[in-house]
N, C-alpha and C. Protein backbone atom coordinates (compact mmCIF):
# COMPACT_ATOMS: atom_id res chain seq x y z
N MET A 1 0.83 -1.66 0.14
CA MET A 1 -0.14 -0.15 0.25
C MET A 1 1.00 1.48 0.19
N THR A 2 0.01 2.15 -0.42
CA THR A 2 1.12 3.40 -0.45
C THR A 2 0.42 4.09 0.04
N THR A 3 1.02 5.47 1.16
CA THR A 3 1.08 6.70 1.66
C THR A 3 1.39 8.08 0.69
N ARG A 4 0.62 8.86 0.68
CA ARG A 4 1.19 9.79 -0.26
C ARG A 4 0.88 11.38 0.67
N LEU A 5 1.55 12.20 0.45
CA LEU A 5 2.27 13.25 0.91
C LEU A 5 1.83 14.59 -0.14
N ILE A 6 1.11 15.14 -0.18
CA ILE A 6 1.16 16.26 -1.20
C ILE A 6 1.41 17.75 -0.59
N ILE A 7 2.57 18.54 -0.99
CA ILE A 7 2.93 19.66 0.05
C ILE A 7 2.53 20.83 -1.29
N ALA A 8 2.05 21.89 -1.18
CA ALA A 8 1.53 22.90 -1.69
C ALA A 8 1.95 24.37 -1.49
N ARG A 9 2.71 25.28 -2.47
CA ARG A 9 3.05 26.60 -1.71
C ARG A 9 1.58 27.27 -1.75
N HIS A 10 1.77 28.19 -1.29
CA HIS A 10 0.38 28.92 -0.90
C HIS A 10 0.57 29.77 -2.12
N GLY A 11 -0.46 31.02 -2.17
CA GLY A 11 -0.95 31.56 -3.34
C GLY A 11 -0.16 32.79 -3.12
N ASN A 12 -0.51 34.00 -4.18
CA ASN A 12 0.29 35.26 -4.02
C ASN A 12 -0.18 36.29 -2.59
N THR A 13 0.60 37.02 -2.26
CA THR A 13 0.45 37.98 -1.61
C THR A 13 1.09 39.37 -2.05
N PHE A 14 0.87 39.65 -3.38
CA PHE A 14 1.33 40.75 -4.19
C PHE A 14 0.98 41.03 -5.27
N THR A 15 0.01 41.93 -5.44
CA THR A 15 -0.65 42.43 -6.89
C THR A 15 0.41 42.31 -7.85
N ALA A 16 0.50 42.24 -9.05
CA ALA A 16 1.39 42.26 -10.04
C ALA A 16 2.01 43.97 -10.55
N ASP A 17 1.20 44.93 -9.96
CA ASP A 17 1.32 45.85 -9.64
C ASP A 17 2.27 46.58 -8.51
N GLN A 18 2.14 45.80 -7.53
CA GLN A 18 3.15 45.95 -6.13
C GLN A 18 4.62 44.87 -6.67
N THR A 19 5.33 46.01 -5.58
CA THR A 19 6.80 45.32 -5.61
C THR A 19 6.79 44.37 -3.92
N PRO A 20 7.10 43.18 -4.62
CA PRO A 20 7.18 41.79 -3.58
C PRO A 20 8.53 42.02 -2.82
N THR A 21 8.04 41.82 -1.68
CA THR A 21 9.08 41.37 -0.44
C THR A 21 9.35 40.33 0.04
N ARG A 22 10.15 40.29 0.81
CA ARG A 22 10.19 38.80 1.40
C ARG A 22 9.81 39.08 2.33
N VAL A 23 8.77 38.45 2.38
CA VAL A 23 7.83 37.69 4.23
C VAL A 23 8.01 36.61 4.57
N GLY A 24 8.56 36.77 5.63
CA GLY A 24 8.29 35.38 6.39
C GLY A 24 7.27 35.21 7.63
N ALA A 25 8.04 34.75 8.54
CA ALA A 25 6.98 34.28 9.59
C ALA A 25 6.47 35.50 10.65
N LYS A 26 6.67 36.36 10.52
CA LYS A 26 6.66 37.58 11.24
C LYS A 26 5.49 38.46 10.53
N THR A 27 5.32 38.12 9.24
CA THR A 27 4.44 39.17 8.42
C THR A 27 3.57 38.20 7.93
N ASP A 28 2.14 38.42 8.59
CA ASP A 28 1.09 37.50 8.25
C ASP A 28 0.23 38.38 6.98
N LEU A 29 0.33 38.60 5.02
CA LEU A 29 -0.51 38.98 4.96
C LEU A 29 -1.58 37.54 4.19
N PRO A 30 -2.39 38.57 3.48
CA PRO A 30 -3.45 37.80 3.32
C PRO A 30 -3.36 37.64 1.58
N LEU A 31 -4.02 36.30 0.91
CA LEU A 31 -3.89 36.20 -0.38
C LEU A 31 -4.50 37.32 -1.12
N VAL A 32 -3.57 38.02 -2.10
CA VAL A 32 -4.57 38.98 -2.80
C VAL A 32 -5.42 38.22 -4.28
N GLU A 33 -4.97 36.89 -4.31
CA GLU A 33 -5.53 36.23 -5.55
C GLU A 33 -6.26 35.10 -5.37
N HIS A 34 -7.01 34.21 -6.04
CA HIS A 34 -7.77 32.84 -4.90
C HIS A 34 -7.33 31.93 -6.75
N GLU A 35 -7.44 32.13 -7.41
CA GLU A 35 -6.67 31.52 -8.62
C GLU A 35 -5.66 30.47 -8.37
N ARG A 36 -4.79 30.41 -7.90
CA ARG A 36 -3.52 29.76 -7.35
C ARG A 36 -4.20 28.45 -7.14
N GLY A 37 -4.94 29.04 -5.39
CA GLY A 37 -5.75 27.75 -4.32
C GLY A 37 -6.54 27.40 -5.25
N ARG A 38 -7.17 27.67 -6.16
CA ARG A 38 -8.09 26.82 -6.50
C ARG A 38 -7.72 25.76 -7.76
N ASN A 39 -6.32 26.61 -8.46
CA ASN A 39 -5.76 25.77 -9.09
C ASN A 39 -4.99 24.46 -9.00
N ILE A 40 -4.89 24.50 -7.47
CA ILE A 40 -4.25 23.45 -6.79
C ILE A 40 -5.30 22.54 -6.69
N GLY A 41 -6.14 22.73 -6.31
CA GLY A 41 -7.54 21.72 -6.03
C GLY A 41 -7.86 21.26 -7.60
N HIS A 42 -8.35 21.91 -8.38
CA HIS A 42 -8.11 21.24 -9.88
C HIS A 42 -7.54 20.73 -10.20
N TYR A 43 -5.95 20.90 -10.17
CA TYR A 43 -5.09 19.58 -10.53
C TYR A 43 -4.93 18.33 -10.08
N LEU A 44 -5.30 18.45 -9.07
CA LEU A 44 -5.33 17.02 -7.91
C LEU A 44 -6.76 15.80 -8.22
N LEU A 45 -7.38 16.91 -8.95
CA LEU A 45 -8.87 16.25 -9.64
C LEU A 45 -8.62 16.06 -10.81
N HIS A 46 -7.68 16.99 -11.70
CA HIS A 46 -7.50 16.14 -13.13
C HIS A 46 -6.25 15.18 -13.01
N MET A 47 -5.44 15.03 -11.74
CA MET A 47 -4.44 13.69 -11.82
C MET A 47 -5.27 13.00 -10.91
N GLY A 48 -6.37 12.53 -10.66
CA GLY A 48 -7.35 11.68 -9.79
C GLY A 48 -6.54 11.30 -8.69
N ILE A 49 -6.50 12.40 -7.57
CA ILE A 49 -5.95 12.28 -6.56
C ILE A 49 -6.98 12.58 -5.50
N GLN A 50 -7.27 11.99 -4.91
CA GLN A 50 -8.73 12.27 -3.41
C GLN A 50 -7.65 12.85 -1.95
N VAL A 51 -7.95 13.66 -1.75
CA VAL A 51 -7.18 13.96 -0.44
C VAL A 51 -8.45 13.62 0.94
N ASP A 52 -7.44 13.35 1.73
CA ASP A 52 -8.13 12.46 2.55
C ASP A 52 -7.77 13.44 4.08
N ALA A 53 -6.68 14.44 4.05
CA ALA A 53 -6.51 15.02 5.30
C ALA A 53 -5.87 16.17 4.92
N VAL A 54 -6.14 17.28 5.33
CA VAL A 54 -5.84 18.81 5.25
C VAL A 54 -5.04 19.48 6.24
N MET A 55 -3.69 19.71 6.08
CA MET A 55 -2.96 20.31 6.56
C MET A 55 -2.25 21.84 6.27
N THR A 56 -1.98 22.67 7.08
CA THR A 56 -1.83 24.31 6.71
C THR A 56 -1.10 24.82 8.04
N GLY A 57 -0.03 25.54 7.40
CA GLY A 57 0.55 26.31 7.90
C GLY A 57 -0.06 27.33 8.83
N PRO A 58 0.59 28.18 9.79
CA PRO A 58 -0.68 28.82 10.77
C PRO A 58 -0.75 30.24 10.23
N LEU A 59 -0.12 30.50 9.27
CA LEU A 59 -0.19 32.07 8.79
C LEU A 59 -1.29 32.02 7.53
N LYS A 60 -2.29 33.56 7.75
CA LYS A 60 -3.17 33.48 6.85
C LYS A 60 -2.97 33.12 5.20
N ARG A 61 -1.73 33.41 4.64
CA ARG A 61 -1.70 32.72 3.43
C ARG A 61 -1.51 31.39 3.26
N HIS A 62 -1.43 30.62 4.06
CA HIS A 62 -1.64 29.02 3.99
C HIS A 62 -2.98 28.73 4.24
N SER A 63 -3.61 29.09 5.13
CA SER A 63 -4.82 28.53 5.73
C SER A 63 -5.75 28.98 4.37
N GLU A 64 -5.72 30.40 3.68
CA GLU A 64 -6.32 31.08 2.73
C GLU A 64 -6.70 30.06 1.54
N THR A 65 -4.82 29.91 1.31
CA THR A 65 -4.74 28.85 0.18
C THR A 65 -5.28 27.58 0.54
N ALA A 66 -5.57 27.23 1.68
CA ALA A 66 -5.73 25.78 1.78
C ALA A 66 -7.17 25.46 1.86
N ALA A 67 -8.00 26.37 2.33
CA ALA A 67 -9.47 26.61 1.96
C ALA A 67 -10.16 26.43 0.87
N LEU A 68 -9.14 27.32 -0.17
CA LEU A 68 -9.30 27.50 -1.52
C LEU A 68 -9.76 25.64 -2.36
N VAL A 69 -8.64 25.06 -1.79
CA VAL A 69 -8.35 23.82 -2.43
C VAL A 69 -9.52 23.00 -1.88
N CYS A 70 -10.14 23.34 -0.63
CA CYS A 70 -10.74 22.29 -0.01
C CYS A 70 -12.02 22.42 -0.61
N GLU A 71 -12.08 24.00 -1.05
CA GLU A 71 -13.87 24.02 -1.48
C GLU A 71 -13.97 23.53 -3.13
N VAL A 72 -12.46 23.58 -4.01
CA VAL A 72 -12.62 22.59 -5.29
C VAL A 72 -13.32 21.36 -4.97
N LEU A 73 -12.03 20.62 -3.80
CA LEU A 73 -12.48 19.19 -3.71
C LEU A 73 -13.54 18.96 -2.39
N HIS A 74 -14.30 20.03 -2.37
CA HIS A 74 -15.30 19.83 -1.48
C HIS A 74 -15.47 18.50 0.01
N PHE A 75 -13.96 19.31 0.56
CA PHE A 75 -13.30 19.21 1.65
C PHE A 75 -13.70 19.86 2.81
N ASP A 76 -14.36 19.57 4.01
CA ASP A 76 -14.93 20.05 4.88
C ASP A 76 -13.58 21.37 5.95
N VAL A 77 -13.58 22.65 5.19
CA VAL A 77 -12.56 23.26 5.82
C VAL A 77 -12.45 23.31 7.61
N PHE A 78 -13.30 22.84 8.38
CA PHE A 78 -13.51 22.62 9.48
C PHE A 78 -12.55 21.82 9.93
N ASP A 79 -12.15 20.38 9.26
CA ASP A 79 -11.77 19.47 9.32
C ASP A 79 -9.81 19.45 9.30
N MET A 80 -9.13 20.57 8.54
CA MET A 80 -7.63 21.40 8.50
C MET A 80 -7.19 21.22 9.66
N GLN A 81 -6.49 21.02 9.62
CA GLN A 81 -5.04 20.69 10.76
C GLN A 81 -4.19 22.04 10.64
N VAL A 82 -4.06 22.87 11.72
CA VAL A 82 -3.16 23.96 11.63
C VAL A 82 -1.97 23.06 12.35
N ARG A 83 -0.73 23.24 11.70
CA ARG A 83 0.59 23.28 11.75
C ARG A 83 1.61 24.02 12.20
N HIS A 84 1.99 24.74 13.33
CA HIS A 84 2.83 25.45 13.86
C HIS A 84 4.22 25.20 13.21
N ASP A 85 4.58 23.30 13.20
CA ASP A 85 5.78 23.31 12.78
C ASP A 85 6.21 23.52 11.30
N PHE A 86 5.33 24.01 10.21
CA PHE A 86 5.44 24.14 8.85
C PHE A 86 5.48 25.76 8.80
N ASN A 87 5.49 26.57 9.71
CA ASN A 87 5.47 28.11 9.22
C ASN A 87 6.49 28.69 8.67
N GLU A 88 6.51 29.60 8.02
CA GLU A 88 7.36 30.31 7.21
C GLU A 88 8.39 30.47 8.09
N ILE A 89 9.57 30.39 7.29
CA ILE A 89 11.08 30.87 8.25
C ILE A 89 11.28 32.29 8.82
N ASP A 90 11.96 33.08 9.02
CA ASP A 90 12.22 34.42 9.96
C ASP A 90 13.48 34.67 9.19
N TYR A 91 12.93 35.56 8.26
CA TYR A 91 13.96 36.84 7.34
C TYR A 91 14.82 37.35 8.22
N GLY A 92 14.77 37.42 9.06
CA GLY A 92 15.36 38.44 10.29
C GLY A 92 15.71 39.99 9.53
N PRO A 93 16.99 40.32 9.42
CA PRO A 93 16.73 41.97 9.19
C PRO A 93 16.85 41.95 7.46
N ASP A 94 16.14 40.97 6.90
CA ASP A 94 15.41 41.13 5.28
C ASP A 94 14.29 41.18 5.46
N GLU A 95 13.44 41.25 6.77
CA GLU A 95 11.93 41.10 6.58
C GLU A 95 11.39 42.39 5.98
N ASP A 96 10.57 41.83 5.28
CA ASP A 96 9.81 43.33 4.32
C ASP A 96 10.66 43.93 3.33
N LYS A 97 11.87 43.48 3.07
CA LYS A 97 12.68 44.27 2.06
C LYS A 97 12.38 43.93 0.84
N THR A 98 12.71 44.66 -0.10
CA THR A 98 12.80 44.20 -1.86
C THR A 98 13.93 43.19 -2.46
N GLU A 99 13.46 42.66 -2.86
CA GLU A 99 14.78 41.41 -3.48
C GLU A 99 16.42 42.05 -3.62
N ASP A 100 16.13 43.73 -4.25
CA ASP A 100 17.49 44.25 -4.44
C ASP A 100 18.28 44.70 -2.85
N GLU A 101 16.96 45.43 -2.19
CA GLU A 101 17.93 45.87 -0.90
C GLU A 101 18.53 44.62 0.16
N VAL A 102 17.58 43.30 -0.06
CA VAL A 102 18.04 42.25 0.33
C VAL A 102 19.65 41.95 0.05
N MET A 103 20.06 41.68 -1.38
CA MET A 103 21.06 41.49 -2.03
C MET A 103 22.18 42.28 -1.87
N LEU A 104 22.25 43.57 -1.59
CA LEU A 104 22.94 44.68 -1.38
C LEU A 104 23.23 44.68 0.16
N ARG A 105 22.41 44.19 0.94
CA ARG A 105 22.70 43.84 2.45
C ARG A 105 24.01 42.19 2.47
N LEU A 106 23.33 41.54 1.72
CA LEU A 106 24.02 40.42 2.07
C LEU A 106 25.65 40.28 1.49
N GLY A 107 25.58 41.44 0.11
CA GLY A 107 26.46 41.32 -0.56
C GLY A 107 27.57 42.60 0.06
N GLU A 108 27.03 42.99 1.27
CA GLU A 108 27.80 44.07 1.34
C GLU A 108 28.13 45.27 1.11
N GLY A 109 27.16 45.41 -0.10
CA GLY A 109 27.03 46.75 -0.97
C GLY A 109 26.94 46.52 -2.35
N ASP A 110 27.87 45.06 -2.96
CA ASP A 110 27.92 44.64 -3.57
C ASP A 110 26.53 43.78 -4.03
N MET A 111 25.76 43.77 -5.27
CA MET A 111 24.97 43.59 -5.94
C MET A 111 24.98 42.35 -6.41
N GLU A 112 25.92 41.87 -7.09
CA GLU A 112 26.38 40.07 -7.50
C GLU A 112 26.82 39.39 -6.12
N LYS A 113 27.53 40.04 -5.43
CA LYS A 113 27.66 39.25 -4.14
C LYS A 113 26.46 38.87 -3.41
N GLY A 114 25.73 39.40 -3.14
CA GLY A 114 24.32 39.77 -2.86
C GLY A 114 23.71 38.32 -3.82
N ARG A 115 23.41 38.70 -4.88
CA ARG A 115 22.93 37.45 -5.73
C ARG A 115 23.54 35.67 -5.26
N ALA A 116 24.77 36.05 -5.78
CA ALA A 116 25.39 34.98 -5.52
C ALA A 116 25.22 34.14 -4.26
N VAL A 117 24.30 34.84 -3.12
CA VAL A 117 24.41 33.94 -1.74
C VAL A 117 22.99 33.52 -2.08
N ILE A 118 22.19 34.48 -2.37
CA ILE A 118 20.62 33.99 -2.64
C ILE A 118 20.54 32.86 -3.86
N ASP A 119 21.53 32.62 -4.60
CA ASP A 119 21.39 31.64 -5.82
C ASP A 119 22.09 30.20 -4.69
N LYS A 120 22.82 30.63 -3.96
CA LYS A 120 23.24 29.29 -3.00
C LYS A 120 22.02 28.94 -2.22
N TRP A 121 21.16 29.75 -2.14
CA TRP A 121 19.87 29.45 -0.75
C TRP A 121 19.09 28.81 -2.02
N ASN A 122 18.93 29.50 -2.87
CA ASN A 122 18.11 28.17 -3.94
C ASN A 122 18.16 27.04 -4.17
N ALA A 123 19.68 27.16 -4.65
CA ALA A 123 20.68 25.87 -4.74
C ALA A 123 20.62 24.55 -3.82
N ASP A 124 21.09 25.34 -2.66
CA ASP A 124 20.95 23.81 -1.58
C ASP A 124 21.06 24.67 -0.15
N ALA A 125 19.81 25.37 -0.63
CA ALA A 125 19.29 25.86 1.03
C ALA A 125 20.64 26.72 2.26
N THR A 126 21.69 26.88 1.48
CA THR A 126 22.63 27.38 2.40
C THR A 126 21.93 28.56 2.78
N VAL A 127 21.64 28.87 4.26
CA VAL A 127 21.31 30.21 4.83
C VAL A 127 22.20 31.09 4.77
N PRO A 128 21.64 32.45 4.61
CA PRO A 128 22.11 33.58 4.23
C PRO A 128 22.27 34.06 5.74
N ALA A 129 23.27 35.03 6.00
CA ALA A 129 23.69 35.51 7.57
C ALA A 129 22.57 36.48 7.80
N GLY A 130 22.41 36.23 9.06
CA GLY A 130 21.27 37.47 9.42
C GLY A 130 19.90 36.62 9.77
N TRP A 131 19.89 35.66 8.79
CA TRP A 131 18.37 34.80 8.95
C TRP A 131 18.11 34.16 10.06
N ASP A 132 17.26 33.90 10.71
CA ASP A 132 16.82 32.55 11.66
C ASP A 132 16.15 31.81 11.18
N VAL A 133 16.94 30.60 10.86
CA VAL A 133 16.64 29.44 10.19
C VAL A 133 17.01 28.41 11.05
N ASP A 134 16.40 27.36 11.47
CA ASP A 134 16.60 26.10 12.42
C ASP A 134 16.69 24.79 11.50
N VAL A 135 17.67 24.99 10.55
CA VAL A 135 17.99 23.96 9.63
C VAL A 135 17.42 22.76 10.22
N GLU A 136 18.39 22.38 11.15
CA GLU A 136 17.80 20.75 11.71
C GLU A 136 16.44 20.65 12.19
N GLY A 137 16.19 21.78 12.90
CA GLY A 137 14.15 22.15 13.17
C GLY A 137 13.74 21.38 12.13
N ILE A 138 13.87 22.21 11.06
CA ILE A 138 12.69 22.13 9.92
C ILE A 138 13.30 20.63 9.52
N LYS A 139 14.43 20.22 9.28
CA LYS A 139 14.72 18.72 8.72
C LYS A 139 13.52 17.97 9.43
N GLN A 140 13.82 18.29 10.66
CA GLN A 140 13.46 17.14 11.56
C GLN A 140 11.50 17.21 11.88
N ALA A 141 11.27 18.34 11.47
CA ALA A 141 9.56 18.26 11.63
C ALA A 141 9.75 17.79 10.19
N TRP A 142 9.92 17.59 9.11
CA TRP A 142 9.78 17.05 7.71
C TRP A 142 10.04 15.09 8.58
N ARG A 143 10.68 15.33 8.65
CA ARG A 143 11.28 13.65 9.10
C ARG A 143 9.93 12.92 10.04
N ALA A 144 9.76 13.64 11.30
CA ALA A 144 8.99 13.21 12.06
C ALA A 144 7.25 13.46 11.36
N LEU A 145 7.17 14.21 10.70
CA LEU A 145 5.52 13.97 9.76
C LEU A 145 5.15 12.57 8.95
N GLY A 146 6.81 12.42 8.11
CA GLY A 146 6.70 11.31 7.28
C GLY A 146 6.46 10.03 7.90
N GLU A 147 7.24 9.81 9.09
CA GLU A 147 7.39 8.56 9.88
C GLU A 147 5.32 9.06 10.97
N ALA A 148 5.30 10.04 11.23
CA ALA A 148 4.04 9.73 11.71
C ALA A 148 2.67 9.54 10.32
N LEU A 149 2.72 10.02 9.24
CA LEU A 149 2.03 9.50 8.67
C LEU A 149 2.10 7.78 8.07
N CYS A 150 2.84 7.39 8.16
CA CYS A 150 2.98 6.12 8.06
C CYS A 150 3.25 4.84 9.51
N GLU A 151 3.01 5.65 10.35
CA GLU A 151 2.89 4.50 11.59
C GLU A 151 1.74 3.73 11.50
N SER A 152 1.85 2.81 11.89
CA SER A 152 0.96 1.60 11.62
C SER A 152 -0.69 1.52 11.69
N ASP A 153 -0.52 2.40 13.14
CA ASP A 153 -1.83 2.59 13.87
C ASP A 153 -2.23 4.16 13.16
N SER A 154 -1.61 4.27 12.55
CA SER A 154 -2.37 5.97 11.94
C SER A 154 -3.11 6.51 11.17
N SER A 155 -3.96 7.27 11.43
CA SER A 155 -5.21 6.99 10.28
C SER A 155 -4.81 7.81 9.12
N TYR A 156 -3.26 8.15 8.76
CA TYR A 156 -3.09 8.72 7.63
C TYR A 156 -2.55 8.01 6.41
N LYS A 157 -2.36 6.60 7.60
CA LYS A 157 -1.39 5.37 6.41
C LYS A 157 -2.17 5.28 5.21
N ASP A 158 -1.69 5.38 4.05
CA ASP A 158 -1.94 4.42 2.87
C ASP A 158 -3.58 5.52 2.23
N LYS A 159 -3.29 6.76 2.92
CA LYS A 159 -4.01 7.61 2.93
C LYS A 159 -3.44 9.04 1.73
N THR A 160 -3.94 9.79 1.70
CA THR A 160 -3.42 10.91 1.00
C THR A 160 -3.53 12.07 1.99
N THR A 161 -2.39 12.81 2.37
CA THR A 161 -2.63 14.37 2.69
C THR A 161 -1.78 15.63 2.22
N LEU A 162 -2.54 16.42 2.47
CA LEU A 162 -2.27 17.76 1.95
C LEU A 162 -1.89 18.84 3.15
N LEU A 163 -0.52 19.08 2.89
CA LEU A 163 -0.02 20.38 3.33
C LEU A 163 0.46 21.44 3.00
N VAL A 164 -0.28 22.57 3.25
CA VAL A 164 0.02 23.81 2.42
C VAL A 164 1.35 24.63 3.27
N SER A 165 2.20 24.96 2.93
CA SER A 165 3.00 25.74 3.48
C SER A 165 3.55 26.72 2.69
N SER A 166 4.96 27.15 3.16
CA SER A 166 6.13 28.05 2.24
C SER A 166 7.11 27.75 1.79
N ASN A 167 7.75 28.26 1.04
CA ASN A 167 8.74 28.66 -0.01
C ASN A 167 10.25 28.36 1.14
N GLY A 168 10.49 28.83 2.07
CA GLY A 168 11.57 28.86 2.70
C GLY A 168 11.38 27.51 3.57
N THR A 169 10.52 26.73 4.20
CA THR A 169 10.05 25.99 4.73
C THR A 169 10.11 24.58 3.74
N MET A 170 9.18 24.72 2.80
CA MET A 170 8.77 23.32 1.79
C MET A 170 10.23 22.86 1.23
N ARG A 171 11.50 23.75 1.00
CA ARG A 171 12.89 23.34 0.49
C ARG A 171 13.43 22.30 1.24
N PHE A 172 12.65 22.11 2.32
CA PHE A 172 13.53 21.21 3.12
C PHE A 172 12.95 19.99 3.06
N ALA A 173 11.98 19.67 2.42
CA ALA A 173 10.85 18.74 2.34
C ALA A 173 11.64 17.70 1.66
N PRO A 174 12.50 17.67 0.90
CA PRO A 174 13.49 16.53 -0.01
C PRO A 174 14.09 15.82 1.29
N GLU A 175 14.22 16.14 2.84
CA GLU A 175 15.03 15.52 3.61
C GLU A 175 13.94 14.10 4.02
N LEU A 176 12.62 13.92 3.36
CA LEU A 176 12.11 12.85 3.25
C LEU A 176 12.91 11.77 2.46
N THR A 177 13.38 12.12 1.62
CA THR A 177 13.92 11.08 0.68
C THR A 177 15.32 10.41 1.10
N GLY A 178 15.66 10.73 2.26
CA GLY A 178 16.70 10.42 2.76
C GLY A 178 18.25 10.84 2.55
N ASP A 179 18.02 11.53 1.55
CA ASP A 179 19.56 12.33 0.59
C ASP A 179 19.40 13.96 0.11
N PHE A 180 18.96 14.79 1.33
CA PHE A 180 18.58 15.60 0.74
C PHE A 180 19.85 16.52 0.23
N ALA A 181 21.01 16.00 0.12
CA ALA A 181 22.03 17.14 -0.73
C ALA A 181 21.67 16.17 -1.82
N ALA A 182 22.43 15.25 -2.35
CA ALA A 182 21.25 14.57 -3.49
C ALA A 182 20.33 14.94 -4.27
N PHE A 183 19.44 15.25 -3.72
CA PHE A 183 17.91 15.82 -3.89
C PHE A 183 18.95 17.39 -4.62
N THR A 184 19.08 18.13 -4.20
CA THR A 184 19.83 19.53 -4.50
C THR A 184 20.09 19.22 -5.66
N LYS A 185 21.12 18.26 -5.67
CA LYS A 185 22.17 18.36 -7.40
C LYS A 185 21.31 18.30 -8.80
N THR A 186 19.80 17.71 -8.69
CA THR A 186 19.12 17.56 -9.78
C THR A 186 17.53 18.26 -10.13
N ARG A 187 17.78 19.15 -8.66
CA ARG A 187 16.29 19.73 -8.64
C ARG A 187 16.55 20.89 -8.29
N ASP A 188 15.78 21.69 -8.55
CA ASP A 188 15.56 23.49 -8.39
C ASP A 188 14.32 23.80 -6.72
N ILE A 189 15.34 23.76 -5.81
CA ILE A 189 14.33 23.22 -4.84
C ILE A 189 13.28 24.70 -4.55
N LYS A 190 13.48 25.77 -5.19
CA LYS A 190 12.76 26.88 -5.21
C LYS A 190 11.51 26.41 -5.59
N VAL A 191 10.32 26.68 -5.18
CA VAL A 191 8.85 26.36 -5.75
C VAL A 191 7.96 27.63 -5.72
N ALA A 192 7.44 27.58 -7.08
CA ALA A 192 6.52 28.95 -7.31
C ALA A 192 5.23 29.08 -6.51
N THR A 193 4.86 30.22 -6.56
CA THR A 193 3.53 30.24 -5.33
C THR A 193 2.17 29.42 -5.76
N GLY A 194 2.00 28.55 -5.04
CA GLY A 194 0.81 27.71 -5.89
C GLY A 194 1.43 26.62 -6.45
N GLY A 195 2.49 26.48 -6.30
CA GLY A 195 3.93 25.07 -6.98
C GLY A 195 2.95 23.77 -5.65
N VAL A 196 3.31 22.49 -6.38
CA VAL A 196 2.81 21.55 -5.69
C VAL A 196 4.26 20.41 -5.49
N CYS A 197 4.29 19.57 -4.80
CA CYS A 197 4.80 18.70 -4.92
C CYS A 197 4.21 17.36 -4.03
N ILE A 198 5.42 16.21 -4.45
CA ILE A 198 3.84 14.79 -4.32
C ILE A 198 4.93 13.92 -3.92
N PHE A 199 5.27 13.55 -2.71
CA PHE A 199 5.77 12.30 -2.09
C PHE A 199 5.10 11.04 -1.62
N GLU A 200 5.39 10.03 -1.65
CA GLU A 200 5.05 8.75 -1.70
C GLU A 200 6.09 7.74 -1.42
N LYS A 201 4.98 6.85 -0.07
CA LYS A 201 5.86 6.00 0.11
C LYS A 201 5.57 4.82 0.23
N ASN A 202 5.79 3.25 0.18
CA ASN A 202 5.11 2.27 0.15
C ASN A 202 5.50 1.78 1.45
N ASP A 203 4.91 0.42 2.12
CA ASP A 203 5.13 0.10 3.11
C ASP A 203 6.82 -0.57 3.30
N ASP A 204 6.89 -1.12 2.23
CA ASP A 204 8.19 -1.84 2.37
C ASP A 204 9.67 -0.70 1.99
N GLU A 205 9.64 0.48 1.79
CA GLU A 205 10.37 1.79 1.53
C GLU A 205 10.82 1.95 2.79
N PRO A 206 12.33 2.20 2.49
CA PRO A 206 12.90 3.05 4.06
C PRO A 206 12.60 4.18 3.98
N TYR A 207 12.79 4.98 2.68
CA TYR A 207 12.40 6.73 2.56
C TYR A 207 11.15 6.87 1.56
N TRP A 208 10.91 8.33 1.70
CA TRP A 208 9.31 8.65 0.58
C TRP A 208 10.52 9.02 -0.81
N ARG A 209 9.63 8.70 -1.79
CA ARG A 209 9.92 8.94 -3.41
C ARG A 209 9.51 10.35 -3.66
N CYS A 210 10.01 11.32 -4.49
CA CYS A 210 9.58 12.55 -4.84
C CYS A 210 9.31 12.18 -6.10
N VAL A 211 7.65 12.16 -6.60
CA VAL A 211 7.27 11.60 -7.88
C VAL A 211 6.56 13.26 -8.16
N GLU A 212 6.65 14.01 -8.14
CA GLU A 212 6.57 15.42 -8.51
C GLU A 212 7.29 16.56 -7.39
N TRP A 213 7.86 17.43 -8.25
CA TRP A 213 8.35 18.73 -7.68
C TRP A 213 8.29 20.03 -8.61
N GLY A 214 7.57 20.50 -7.99
CA GLY A 214 7.43 21.88 -8.06
C GLY A 214 6.18 22.18 -9.77
N VAL A 215 5.84 21.32 -9.86
CA VAL A 215 4.64 21.49 -10.26
C VAL A 215 3.79 22.78 -10.49
N LYS A 216 3.76 23.53 -11.32
CA LYS A 216 2.78 24.54 -11.83
C LYS A 216 1.26 23.67 -12.20
N PRO A 217 0.47 23.90 -11.21
CA PRO A 217 -0.81 23.49 -11.95
C PRO A 217 -1.47 24.10 -13.12
N HIS A 218 -1.43 25.46 -13.10
CA HIS A 218 -2.09 26.03 -14.04
C HIS A 218 -1.82 25.73 -15.59
N LYS A 219 -0.25 25.21 -15.56
CA LYS A 219 0.45 25.21 -16.58
C LYS A 219 0.21 23.66 -16.90
N VAL A 220 -0.38 22.85 -16.34
CA VAL A 220 -0.98 21.44 -16.32
C VAL A 220 -1.90 21.58 -16.87
N LEU A 221 -3.22 22.49 -16.15
CA LEU A 221 -4.49 22.27 -16.61
C LEU A 221 -4.64 23.04 -18.07
N ALA A 222 -3.49 23.97 -18.38
CA ALA A 222 -3.96 24.72 -19.49
C ALA A 222 -3.24 23.45 -20.93
N GLN A 223 -2.57 22.69 -20.25
CA GLN A 223 -1.54 21.87 -21.70
C GLN A 223 -3.38 20.75 -21.60
N SER A 224 -3.95 20.29 -20.77
CA SER A 224 -4.66 19.51 -20.59
C SER A 224 -6.11 20.21 -21.60
N LEU A 225 -5.89 21.16 -21.73
CA LEU A 225 -7.30 21.68 -22.49
C LEU A 225 -6.60 22.24 -23.96
N ALA A 226 -5.38 21.99 -24.18
CA ALA A 226 -5.38 22.79 -25.33
C ALA A 226 -5.98 21.36 -26.10
N PRO A 227 -6.05 21.72 -27.84
CA PRO A 227 -6.19 21.13 -28.99
C PRO A 227 -5.11 20.06 -29.45
């Protein structure tokens, strides 16, 4: 039998005419659009995936996205579970700063050096100086969730669980595969807003398999409607 974990990033918190900033655990913005959340639900329907449980990080952008998915899947929002251990990370001095401001600080005034720091964060999750990120704590949270879903007496075993979280935390989900470093060498660990990742684990397997990573539902749905 197979246990499945679907991890989705929340939708947009900035409109197209706004300059986005880095918003972490200390900035609780609501969504500014509903399309991405609903598209997650429609993508799961398109894939024939039935969700048995829904978990969400504690921020508005998490719960609002999860609620939109539930709306499409006809899942009772009152059954959603809030998971504080899958909150977004803390960007420290770069909280609510534009990306240019962030790179200038990290590069000590040199934009290219700062860009290299961010590129490293997106490549292998090397935490930039000043950010408050408990890497081992986040990885342990993913491992603990993976174990809890598969316990023999778990109500999640052999079923499908959806978790809505944020980019900074989601990039550590490949810890479930048992070899995070190897995963980062072949995949872009930054997931776009509304992006979906799918992990599966059979009873006889020691680790989870990543069967989908960073899927953009709107693109899959558009392709399915193309003549």
